[in-house]
């Protein structure tokens, strides 16, 4: 069971390892879903805190997804 949580109002995305691993694609999907479905329009700042796991958080796939999300939300 993989678990990726986003905290403000307690958002938690859960999936089994048979559905997908906890790599950059899974993390990017969760972040993208959260930004597109839960972040109200007009928000200007999002703060991200990540561990040092390059496979999950600090890599080109996550950075590219965030760039697209920021482009789609011009106030961010």
C-alpha atoms as a PDB file:
ATOM      1  CA  UNK A   1       0.000   0.000   0.000  1.00  0.00           C
ATOM      2  CA  UNK A   2       1.418   3.366  -1.014  1.00  0.00           C
ATOM      3  CA  UNK A   3       0.401   6.560   0.745  1.00  0.00           C
ATOM      4  CA  UNK A   4       0.983  10.175  -0.239  1.00  0.00           C
ATOM      5  CA  UNK A   5      -0.570  12.841   1.982  1.00  0.00           C
ATOM      6  CA  UNK A   6      -1.155  16.547   1.441  1.00  0.00           C
ATOM      7  CA  UNK A   7      -2.020  18.551   4.531  1.00  0.00           C
ATOM      8  CA  UNK A   8      -4.188  21.560   4.995  1.00  0.00           C
ATOM      9  CA  UNK A   9      -7.561  19.934   5.065  1.00  0.00           C
ATOM     10  CA  UNK A  10      -6.198  16.399   5.189  1.00  0.00           C
ATOM     11  CA  UNK A  11      -5.924  15.192   1.589  1.00  0.00           C
ATOM     12  CA  UNK A  12      -4.522  11.700   1.282  1.00  0.00           C
ATOM     13  CA  UNK A  13      -4.050   9.753  -1.954  1.00  0.00           C
ATOM     14  CA  UNK A  14      -3.787   5.979  -1.481  1.00  0.00           C
ATOM     15  CA  UNK A  15      -3.173   3.220  -4.011  1.00  0.00           C
ATOM     16  CA  UNK A  16      -1.886  -0.342  -3.930  1.00  0.00           C
ATOM     17  CA  UNK A  17       1.459  -1.365  -5.364  1.00  0.00           C
ATOM     18  CA  UNK A  18      -0.387  -3.410  -8.002  1.00  0.00           C
ATOM     19  CA  UNK A  19      -1.914  -0.161  -9.347  1.00  0.00           C
ATOM     20  CA  UNK A  20       1.314   1.797  -9.386  1.00  0.00           C
ATOM     21  CA  UNK A  21       4.532   2.403  -7.555  1.00  0.00           C
ATOM     22  CA  UNK A  22       5.508   5.389  -5.463  1.00  0.00           C
ATOM     23  CA  UNK A  23       7.779   6.924  -8.075  1.00  0.00           C
ATOM     24  CA  UNK A  24       7.838  10.283  -9.759  1.00  0.00           C
ATOM     25  CA  UNK A  25       4.842   9.514 -11.984  1.00  0.00           C
ATOM     26  CA  UNK A  26       2.629   8.589  -9.028  1.00  0.00           C
ATOM     27  CA  UNK A  27       3.720  11.630  -7.032  1.00  0.00           C
ATOM     28  CA  UNK A  28       3.222  13.898 -10.068  1.00  0.00           C
ATOM     29  CA  UNK A  29      -0.275  12.508 -10.586  1.00  0.00           C
ATOM     30  CA  UNK A  30      -1.213  13.216  -6.951  1.00  0.00           C
ATOM     31  CA  UNK A  31       0.201  16.750  -7.032  1.00  0.00           C
ATOM     32  CA  UNK A  32      -1.472  17.515 -10.359  1.00  0.00           C
ATOM     33  CA  UNK A  33      -4.824  16.190  -9.135  1.00  0.00           C
ATOM     34  CA  UNK A  34      -4.539  18.239  -5.937  1.00  0.00           C
ATOM     35  CA  UNK A  35      -3.571  21.467  -7.750  1.00  0.00           C
ATOM     36  CA  UNK A  36      -6.282  21.120 -10.407  1.00  0.00           C
ATOM     37  CA  UNK A  37      -9.119  19.954  -8.152  1.00  0.00           C
ATOM     38  CA  UNK A  38      -8.466  21.431  -4.713  1.00  0.00           C
ATOM     39  CA  UNK A  39      -6.473  24.677  -5.052  1.00  0.00           C
ATOM     40  CA  UNK A  40      -8.920  27.589  -5.381  1.00  0.00           C
ATOM     41  CA  UNK A  41      -8.394  30.094  -8.173  1.00  0.00           C
ATOM     42  CA  UNK A  42      -6.608  33.226  -7.050  1.00  0.00           C
ATOM     43  CA  UNK A  43      -4.131  31.412  -4.798  1.00  0.00           C
ATOM     44  CA  UNK A  44      -0.706  32.964  -5.348  1.00  0.00           C
ATOM     45  CA  UNK A  45       1.596  30.700  -3.342  1.00  0.00           C
ATOM     46  CA  UNK A  46       2.000  26.975  -2.783  1.00  0.00           C
ATOM     47  CA  UNK A  47       4.672  25.684  -0.405  1.00  0.00           C
ATOM     48  CA  UNK A  48       6.173  22.254  -1.013  1.00  0.00           C
ATOM     49  CA  UNK A  49       8.261  20.339   1.486  1.00  0.00           C
ATOM     50  CA  UNK A  50       9.922  17.196   0.171  1.00  0.00           C
ATOM     51  CA  UNK A  51      12.411  14.659   1.414  1.00  0.00           C
ATOM     52  CA  UNK A  52      15.645  13.984  -0.453  1.00  0.00           C
ATOM     53  CA  UNK A  53      14.323  11.049  -2.438  1.00  0.00           C
ATOM     54  CA  UNK A  54      15.233  11.813  -6.040  1.00  0.00           C
ATOM     55  CA  UNK A  55      12.960   9.035  -7.304  1.00  0.00           C
ATOM     56  CA  UNK A  56       9.840  10.532  -5.736  1.00  0.00           C
ATOM     57  CA  UNK A  57      10.174  14.274  -5.516  1.00  0.00           C
ATOM     58  CA  UNK A  58      13.296  15.900  -6.876  1.00  0.00           C
ATOM     59  CA  UNK A  59      13.448  14.977 -10.535  1.00  0.00           C
ATOM     60  CA  UNK A  60      12.602  16.281 -13.987  1.00  0.00           C
ATOM     61  CA  UNK A  61       9.151  14.630 -14.181  1.00  0.00           C
ATOM     62  CA  UNK A  62       7.852  16.352 -11.037  1.00  0.00           C
ATOM     63  CA  UNK A  63       9.456  19.674 -12.021  1.00  0.00           C
ATOM     64  CA  UNK A  64       7.937  19.478 -15.527  1.00  0.00           C
ATOM     65  CA  UNK A  65       4.479  18.699 -14.102  1.00  0.00           C
ATOM     66  CA  UNK A  66       4.744  21.646 -11.695  1.00  0.00           C
ATOM     67  CA  UNK A  67       5.780  23.918 -14.580  1.00  0.00           C
ATOM     68  CA  UNK A  68       2.699  22.900 -16.555  1.00  0.00           C
ATOM     69  CA  UNK A  69       0.448  23.347 -13.512  1.00  0.00           C
ATOM     70  CA  UNK A  70       1.870  26.804 -12.822  1.00  0.00           C
ATOM     71  CA  UNK A  71       1.336  27.748 -16.467  1.00  0.00           C
ATOM     72  CA  UNK A  72      -2.303  26.603 -16.248  1.00  0.00           C
ATOM     73  CA  UNK A  73      -2.825  28.594 -13.016  1.00  0.00           C
ATOM     74  CA  UNK A  74      -1.490  32.076 -13.849  1.00  0.00           C
ATOM     75  CA  UNK A  75      -1.781  33.417 -10.286  1.00  0.00           C
ATOM     76  CA  UNK A  76       0.621  30.785  -8.926  1.00  0.00           C
END
